[in-house]
Amino acid sequence: MEITPEQYARIEPHLPIQRGNVSHQNLNVINAILFVAENGCKWRALPKRFGNWHTIYTRMNRWAKAVLTHSWWVRGRI
C-alpha cells in the first residue's frame, strides 16, 4: 500500500515541518512506514527504493516522540 501525492496533500498540514537538508521527502517516509506495517518486515529489510532504512526509522521515531510530547502537553492544559 502506498499513498498518492493527492492523498499526501490532505495529511501534509498535520505532519511536522521538514527541517534541515533532508534527503527523503515525507511522502516517501510515510510510504516506507506503511510498507513495514503492511508486510511485517524488519526495518533493515526495507526495499532500497525507499532509501536508507535507518533514516526512515529515525524520522518515524522522531514523529512518534513528537506526538507523545504534544499529547502530554495538551492533556496537562485541559
PDB file of N, CA and C in Angstrom:
ATOM      1  N   MET A   1       0.842  -1.166   0.000  1.00  0.00           N
ATOM      2  CA  MET A   1       0.000   0.000   0.000  1.00  0.00           C
ATOM      3  C   MET A   1       0.892   1.235   0.000  1.00  0.00           C
ATOM      4  N   GLU A   2       0.593   2.160  -0.856  1.00  0.00           N
ATOM      5  CA  GLU A   2       1.271   3.442  -0.882  1.00  0.00           C
ATOM      6  C   GLU A   2       0.224   4.522  -1.083  1.00  0.00           C
ATOM      7  N   ILE A   3       0.466   5.671  -0.470  1.00  0.00           N
ATOM      8  CA  ILE A   3      -0.465   6.768  -0.679  1.00  0.00           C
ATOM      9  C   ILE A   3       0.005   7.606  -1.863  1.00  0.00           C
ATOM     10  N   THR A   4      -0.938   8.241  -2.507  1.00  0.00           N
ATOM     11  CA  THR A   4      -0.640   9.060  -3.680  1.00  0.00           C
ATOM     12  C   THR A   4      -0.289  10.476  -3.232  1.00  0.00           C
ATOM     13  N   PRO A   5       0.309  11.259  -4.126  1.00  0.00           N
ATOM     14  CA  PRO A   5       0.576  12.658  -3.790  1.00  0.00           C
ATOM     15  C   PRO A   5      -0.694  13.434  -3.424  1.00  0.00           C
ATOM     16  N   GLU A   6      -1.807  13.077  -4.034  1.00  0.00           N
ATOM     17  CA  GLU A   6      -3.075  13.745  -3.718  1.00  0.00           C
ATOM     18  C   GLU A   6      -3.518  13.421  -2.290  1.00  0.00           C
ATOM     19  N   GLN A   7      -3.377  12.158  -1.903  1.00  0.00           N
ATOM     20  CA  GLN A   7      -3.715  11.765  -0.532  1.00  0.00           C
ATOM     21  C   GLN A   7      -2.760  12.425   0.463  1.00  0.00           C
ATOM     22  N   TYR A   8      -1.489  12.476   0.094  1.00  0.00           N
ATOM     23  CA  TYR A   8      -0.490  13.091   0.956  1.00  0.00           C
ATOM     24  C   TYR A   8      -0.806  14.568   1.195  1.00  0.00           C
ATOM     25  N   ALA A   9      -1.275  15.254   0.169  1.00  0.00           N
ATOM     26  CA  ALA A   9      -1.603  16.674   0.293  1.00  0.00           C
ATOM     27  C   ALA A   9      -2.661  16.917   1.378  1.00  0.00           C
ATOM     28  N   ARG A  10      -3.523  15.943   1.594  1.00  0.00           N
ATOM     29  CA  ARG A  10      -4.575  16.082   2.602  1.00  0.00           C
ATOM     30  C   ARG A  10      -4.038  15.945   4.026  1.00  0.00           C
ATOM     31  N   ILE A  11      -2.964  15.153   4.210  1.00  0.00           N
ATOM     32  CA  ILE A  11      -2.432  14.958   5.563  1.00  0.00           C
ATOM     33  C   ILE A  11      -1.182  15.791   5.841  1.00  0.00           C
ATOM     34  N   GLU A  12      -0.598  16.369   4.806  1.00  0.00           N
ATOM     35  CA  GLU A  12       0.648  17.120   4.968  1.00  0.00           C
ATOM     36  C   GLU A  12       0.581  18.211   6.040  1.00  0.00           C
ATOM     37  N   PRO A  13      -0.514  18.963   6.147  1.00  0.00           N
ATOM     38  CA  PRO A  13      -0.556  20.016   7.172  1.00  0.00           C
ATOM     39  C   PRO A  13      -0.461  19.487   8.603  1.00  0.00           C
ATOM     40  N   HIS A  14      -0.709  18.200   8.801  1.00  0.00           N
ATOM     41  CA  HIS A  14      -0.700  17.612  10.140  1.00  0.00           C
ATOM     42  C   HIS A  14       0.643  16.976  10.498  1.00  0.00           C
ATOM     43  N   LEU A  15       1.584  17.011   9.571  1.00  0.00           N
ATOM     44  CA  LEU A  15       2.906  16.429   9.809  1.00  0.00           C
ATOM     45  C   LEU A  15       3.882  17.510  10.272  1.00  0.00           C
ATOM     46  N   PRO A  16       4.914  17.102  11.004  1.00  0.00           N
ATOM     47  CA  PRO A  16       5.953  18.074  11.377  1.00  0.00           C
ATOM     48  C   PRO A  16       6.618  18.639  10.124  1.00  0.00           C
ATOM     49  N   ILE A  17       7.054  19.870  10.208  1.00  0.00           N
ATOM     50  CA  ILE A  17       7.726  20.516   9.086  1.00  0.00           C
ATOM     51  C   ILE A  17       9.098  19.875   8.893  1.00  0.00           C
ATOM     52  N   GLN A  18       9.434  19.610   7.629  1.00  0.00           N
ATOM     53  CA  GLN A  18      10.758  19.067   7.347  1.00  0.00           C
ATOM     54  C   GLN A  18      11.784  20.135   7.667  1.00  0.00           C
ATOM     55  N   ARG A  19      12.884  19.715   8.278  1.00  0.00           N
ATOM     56  CA  ARG A  19      13.898  20.683   8.673  1.00  0.00           C
ATOM     57  C   ARG A  19      15.265  20.253   8.156  1.00  0.00           C
ATOM     58  N   GLY A  20      16.113  21.219   7.957  1.00  0.00           N
ATOM     59  CA  GLY A  20      17.472  20.920   7.526  1.00  0.00           C
ATOM     60  C   GLY A  20      17.546  20.399   6.101  1.00  0.00           C
ATOM     61  N   ASN A  21      18.659  19.800   5.790  1.00  0.00           N
ATOM     62  CA  ASN A  21      18.899  19.241   4.467  1.00  0.00           C
ATOM     63  C   ASN A  21      18.422  17.795   4.471  1.00  0.00           C
ATOM     64  N   VAL A  22      17.195  17.587   4.095  1.00  0.00           N
ATOM     65  CA  VAL A  22      16.617  16.241   4.152  1.00  0.00           C
ATOM     66  C   VAL A  22      16.768  15.544   2.809  1.00  0.00           C
ATOM     67  N   SER A  23      17.085  14.264   2.877  1.00  0.00           N
ATOM     68  CA  SER A  23      17.265  13.502   1.648  1.00  0.00           C
ATOM     69  C   SER A  23      16.009  12.729   1.255  1.00  0.00           C
ATOM     70  N   HIS A  24      15.053  12.629   2.183  1.00  0.00           N
ATOM     71  CA  HIS A  24      13.816  11.891   1.905  1.00  0.00           C
ATOM     72  C   HIS A  24      12.624  12.813   2.137  1.00  0.00           C
ATOM     73  N   GLN A  25      11.723  12.831   1.174  1.00  0.00           N
ATOM     74  CA  GLN A  25      10.500  13.599   1.333  1.00  0.00           C
ATOM     75  C   GLN A  25       9.554  12.843   2.264  1.00  0.00           C
ATOM     76  N   ASN A  26       8.697  13.587   2.969  1.00  0.00           N
ATOM     77  CA  ASN A  26       7.772  12.958   3.911  1.00  0.00           C
ATOM     78  C   ASN A  26       6.877  11.921   3.241  1.00  0.00           C
ATOM     79  N   LEU A  27       6.486  12.141   1.992  1.00  0.00           N
ATOM     80  CA  LEU A  27       5.651  11.167   1.274  1.00  0.00           C
ATOM     81  C   LEU A  27       6.372   9.830   1.180  1.00  0.00           C
ATOM     82  N   ASN A  28       7.647   9.857   0.859  1.00  0.00           N
ATOM     83  CA  ASN A  28       8.436   8.631   0.760  1.00  0.00           C
ATOM     84  C   ASN A  28       8.549   7.949   2.123  1.00  0.00           C
ATOM     85  N   VAL A  29       8.721   8.732   3.167  1.00  0.00           N
ATOM     86  CA  VAL A  29       8.842   8.177   4.522  1.00  0.00           C
ATOM     87  C   VAL A  29       7.534   7.498   4.927  1.00  0.00           C
ATOM     88  N   ILE A  30       6.417   8.149   4.668  1.00  0.00           N
ATOM     89  CA  ILE A  30       5.118   7.567   5.013  1.00  0.00           C
ATOM     90  C   ILE A  30       4.899   6.258   4.254  1.00  0.00           C
ATOM     91  N   ASN A  31       5.226   6.254   2.976  1.00  0.00           N
ATOM     92  CA  ASN A  31       5.065   5.027   2.200  1.00  0.00           C
ATOM     93  C   ASN A  31       5.974   3.907   2.714  1.00  0.00           C
ATOM     94  N   ALA A  32       7.163   4.258   3.164  1.00  0.00           N
ATOM     95  CA  ALA A  32       8.068   3.246   3.733  1.00  0.00           C
ATOM     96  C   ALA A  32       7.505   2.695   5.039  1.00  0.00           C
ATOM     97  N   ILE A  33       6.965   3.566   5.888  1.00  0.00           N
ATOM     98  CA  ILE A  33       6.361   3.128   7.152  1.00  0.00           C
ATOM     99  C   ILE A  33       5.175   2.207   6.872  1.00  0.00           C
ATOM    100  N   LEU A  34       4.366   2.571   5.896  1.00  0.00           N
ATOM    101  CA  LEU A  34       3.231   1.719   5.522  1.00  0.00           C
ATOM    102  C   LEU A  34       3.704   0.365   5.003  1.00  0.00           C
ATOM    103  N   PHE A  35       4.802   0.350   4.256  1.00  0.00           N
ATOM    104  CA  PHE A  35       5.339  -0.914   3.744  1.00  0.00           C
ATOM    105  C   PHE A  35       5.740  -1.820   4.904  1.00  0.00           C
ATOM    106  N   VAL A  36       6.445  -1.279   5.879  1.00  0.00           N
ATOM    107  CA  VAL A  36       6.874  -2.084   7.034  1.00  0.00           C
ATOM    108  C   VAL A  36       5.654  -2.599   7.797  1.00  0.00           C
ATOM    109  N   ALA A  37       4.668  -1.735   8.006  1.00  0.00           N
ATOM    110  CA  ALA A  37       3.469  -2.135   8.743  1.00  0.00           C
ATOM    111  C   ALA A  37       2.684  -3.206   7.989  1.00  0.00           C
ATOM    112  N   GLU A  38       2.538  -3.040   6.700  1.00  0.00           N
ATOM    113  CA  GLU A  38       1.741  -3.978   5.905  1.00  0.00           C
ATOM    114  C   GLU A  38       2.422  -5.341   5.753  1.00  0.00           C
ATOM    115  N   ASN A  39       3.734  -5.331   5.582  1.00  0.00           N
ATOM    116  CA  ASN A  39       4.460  -6.581   5.317  1.00  0.00           C
ATOM    117  C   ASN A  39       5.074  -7.208   6.551  1.00  0.00           C
ATOM    118  N   GLY A  40       5.061  -6.496   7.661  1.00  0.00           N
ATOM    119  CA  GLY A  40       5.604  -7.047   8.894  1.00  0.00           C
ATOM    120  C   GLY A  40       7.094  -7.336   8.823  1.00  0.00           C
ATOM    121  N   CYS A  41       7.787  -6.595   7.978  1.00  0.00           N
ATOM    122  CA  CYS A  41       9.223  -6.847   7.836  1.00  0.00           C
ATOM    123  C   CYS A  41      10.020  -6.005   8.834  1.00  0.00           C
ATOM    124  N   LYS A  42      11.271  -6.352   8.980  1.00  0.00           N
ATOM    125  CA  LYS A  42      12.167  -5.564   9.820  1.00  0.00           C
ATOM    126  C   LYS A  42      12.581  -4.320   9.044  1.00  0.00           C
ATOM    127  N   TRP A  43      12.946  -3.279   9.780  1.00  0.00           N
ATOM    128  CA  TRP A  43      13.377  -2.048   9.134  1.00  0.00           C
ATOM    129  C   TRP A  43      14.535  -2.306   8.181  1.00  0.00           C
ATOM    130  N   ARG A  44      15.461  -3.157   8.583  1.00  0.00           N
ATOM    131  CA  ARG A  44      16.635  -3.452   7.751  1.00  0.00           C
ATOM    132  C   ARG A  44      16.251  -4.137   6.439  1.00  0.00           C
ATOM    133  N   ALA A  45      15.070  -4.718   6.369  1.00  0.00           N
ATOM    134  CA  ALA A  45      14.616  -5.402   5.154  1.00  0.00           C
ATOM    135  C   ALA A  45      13.833  -4.470   4.227  1.00  0.00           C
ATOM    136  N   LEU A  46      13.772  -3.198   4.556  1.00  0.00           N
ATOM    137  CA  LEU A  46      13.056  -2.230   3.723  1.00  0.00           C
ATOM    138  C   LEU A  46      13.697  -2.183   2.337  1.00  0.00           C
ATOM    139  N   PRO A  47      12.895  -2.266   1.273  1.00  0.00           N
ATOM    140  CA  PRO A  47      13.466  -2.220  -0.081  1.00  0.00           C
ATOM    141  C   PRO A  47      14.258  -0.931  -0.328  1.00  0.00           C
ATOM    142  N   LYS A  48      15.285  -1.030  -1.119  1.00  0.00           N
ATOM    143  CA  LYS A  48      16.182   0.098  -1.406  1.00  0.00           C
ATOM    144  C   LYS A  48      15.452   1.277  -2.042  1.00  0.00           C
ATOM    145  N   ARG A  49      14.331   1.043  -2.700  1.00  0.00           N
ATOM    146  CA  ARG A  49      13.622   2.146  -3.364  1.00  0.00           C
ATOM    147  C   ARG A  49      13.127   3.190  -2.367  1.00  0.00           C
ATOM    148  N   PHE A  50      13.032   2.819  -1.083  1.00  0.00           N
ATOM    149  CA  PHE A  50      12.623   3.782  -0.067  1.00  0.00           C
ATOM    150  C   PHE A  50      13.807   4.557   0.492  1.00  0.00           C
ATOM    151  N   GLY A  51      15.012   4.108   0.220  1.00  0.00           N
ATOM    152  CA  GLY A  51      16.202   4.771   0.738  1.00  0.00           C
ATOM    153  C   GLY A  51      16.748   4.044   1.950  1.00  0.00           C
ATOM    154  N   ASN A  52      17.628   4.712   2.654  1.00  0.00           N
ATOM    155  CA  ASN A  52      18.294   4.134   3.818  1.00  0.00           C
ATOM    156  C   ASN A  52      17.274   3.831   4.912  1.00  0.00           C
ATOM    157  N   TRP A  53      17.234   2.597   5.352  1.00  0.00           N
ATOM    158  CA  TRP A  53      16.254   2.177   6.360  1.00  0.00           C
ATOM    159  C   TRP A  53      16.418   2.961   7.663  1.00  0.00           C
ATOM    160  N   HIS A  54      17.647   3.248   8.040  1.00  0.00           N
ATOM    161  CA  HIS A  54      17.891   3.919   9.319  1.00  0.00           C
ATOM    162  C   HIS A  54      17.368   5.357   9.296  1.00  0.00           C
ATOM    163  N   THR A  55      17.496   6.016   8.160  1.00  0.00           N
ATOM    164  CA  THR A  55      16.960   7.369   8.010  1.00  0.00           C
ATOM    165  C   THR A  55      15.444   7.365   8.167  1.00  0.00           C
ATOM    166  N   ILE A  56      14.789   6.410   7.530  1.00  0.00           N
ATOM    167  CA  ILE A  56      13.326   6.293   7.616  1.00  0.00           C
ATOM    168  C   ILE A  56      12.915   6.003   9.059  1.00  0.00           C
ATOM    169  N   TYR A  57      13.584   5.055   9.685  1.00  0.00           N
ATOM    170  CA  TYR A  57      13.265   4.686  11.068  1.00  0.00           C
ATOM    171  C   TYR A  57      13.462   5.871  12.014  1.00  0.00           C
ATOM    172  N   THR A  58      14.552   6.612  11.834  1.00  0.00           N
ATOM    173  CA  THR A  58      14.833   7.749  12.715  1.00  0.00           C
ATOM    174  C   THR A  58      13.743   8.806  12.607  1.00  0.00           C
ATOM    175  N   ARG A  59      13.305   9.102  11.399  1.00  0.00           N
ATOM    176  CA  ARG A  59      12.246  10.108  11.247  1.00  0.00           C
ATOM    177  C   ARG A  59      10.928   9.618  11.836  1.00  0.00           C
ATOM    178  N   MET A  60      10.594   8.340  11.621  1.00  0.00           N
ATOM    179  CA  MET A  60       9.370   7.792  12.208  1.00  0.00           C
ATOM    180  C   MET A  60       9.436   7.868  13.722  1.00  0.00           C
ATOM    181  N   ASN A  61      10.574   7.554  14.292  1.00  0.00           N
ATOM    182  CA  ASN A  61      10.749   7.594  15.736  1.00  0.00           C
ATOM    183  C   ASN A  61      10.618   9.034  16.258  1.00  0.00           C
ATOM    184  N   ARG A  62      11.192   9.988  15.550  1.00  0.00           N
ATOM    185  CA  ARG A  62      11.082  11.399  15.938  1.00  0.00           C
ATOM    186  C   ARG A  62       9.626  11.852  15.893  1.00  0.00           C
ATOM    187  N   TRP A  63       8.894  11.459  14.854  1.00  0.00           N
ATOM    188  CA  TRP A  63       7.485  11.815  14.762  1.00  0.00           C
ATOM    189  C   TRP A  63       6.694  11.219  15.916  1.00  0.00           C
ATOM    190  N   ALA A  64       6.957   9.956  16.236  1.00  0.00           N
ATOM    191  CA  ALA A  64       6.227   9.293  17.327  1.00  0.00           C
ATOM    192  C   ALA A  64       6.478  10.006  18.648  1.00  0.00           C
ATOM    193  N   LYS A  65       7.710  10.401  18.913  1.00  0.00           N
ATOM    194  CA  LYS A  65       8.023  11.118  20.147  1.00  0.00           C
ATOM    195  C   LYS A  65       7.352  12.485  20.174  1.00  0.00           C
ATOM    196  N   ALA A  66       7.300  13.160  19.041  1.00  0.00           N
ATOM    197  CA  ALA A  66       6.656  14.473  18.969  1.00  0.00           C
ATOM    198  C   ALA A  66       5.164  14.362  19.259  1.00  0.00           C
ATOM    199  N   VAL A  67       4.523  13.310  18.765  1.00  0.00           N
ATOM    200  CA  VAL A  67       3.092  13.107  19.015  1.00  0.00           C
ATOM    201  C   VAL A  67       2.845  12.865  20.497  1.00  0.00           C
ATOM    202  N   LEU A  68       3.677  12.043  21.125  1.00  0.00           N
ATOM    203  CA  LEU A  68       3.522  11.781  22.557  1.00  0.00           C
ATOM    204  C   LEU A  68       3.736  13.045  23.374  1.00  0.00           C
ATOM    205  N   THR A  69       4.760  13.803  23.042  1.00  0.00           N
ATOM    206  CA  THR A  69       5.044  15.043  23.763  1.00  0.00           C
ATOM    207  C   THR A  69       3.879  16.014  23.624  1.00  0.00           C
ATOM    208  N   HIS A  70       3.358  16.145  22.412  1.00  0.00           N
ATOM    209  CA  HIS A  70       2.219  17.034  22.181  1.00  0.00           C
ATOM    210  C   HIS A  70       0.999  16.548  22.963  1.00  0.00           C
ATOM    211  N   SER A  71       0.770  15.249  22.970  1.00  0.00           N
ATOM    212  CA  SER A  71      -0.368  14.676  23.683  1.00  0.00           C
ATOM    213  C   SER A  71      -0.288  14.972  25.182  1.00  0.00           C
ATOM    214  N   TRP A  72       0.897  14.793  25.759  1.00  0.00           N
ATOM    215  CA  TRP A  72       1.066  15.062  27.190  1.00  0.00           C
ATOM    216  C   TRP A  72       0.850  16.544  27.485  1.00  0.00           C
ATOM    217  N   TRP A  73       1.336  17.417  26.609  1.00  0.00           N
ATOM    218  CA  TRP A  73       1.201  18.851  26.817  1.00  0.00           C
ATOM    219  C   TRP A  73      -0.272  19.260  26.747  1.00  0.00           C
ATOM    220  N   VAL A  74      -1.004  18.715  25.776  1.00  0.00           N
ATOM    221  CA  VAL A  74      -2.422  19.038  25.625  1.00  0.00           C
ATOM    222  C   VAL A  74      -3.209  18.548  26.838  1.00  0.00           C
ATOM    223  N   ARG A  75      -2.936  17.335  27.307  1.00  0.00           N
ATOM    224  CA  ARG A  75      -3.669  16.810  28.460  1.00  0.00           C
ATOM    225  C   ARG A  75      -3.381  17.631  29.716  1.00  0.00           C
ATOM    226  N   GLY A  76      -2.187  18.106  29.850  1.00  0.00           N
ATOM    227  CA  GLY A  76      -1.837  18.919  31.013  1.00  0.00           C
ATOM    228  C   GLY A  76      -2.525  20.272  31.016  1.00  0.00           C
ATOM    229  N   ARG A  77      -2.920  20.741  29.843  1.00  0.00           N
ATOM    230  CA  ARG A  77      -3.557  22.053  29.714  1.00  0.00           C
ATOM    231  C   ARG A  77      -5.069  21.980  29.885  1.00  0.00           C
ATOM    232  N   ILE A  78      -5.628  20.807  29.858  1.00  0.00           N
ATOM    233  CA  ILE A  78      -7.098  20.664  29.940  1.00  0.00           C
ATOM    234  C   ILE A  78      -7.561  20.748  31.378  1.00  0.00           C
TER     235      ILE A  78
END
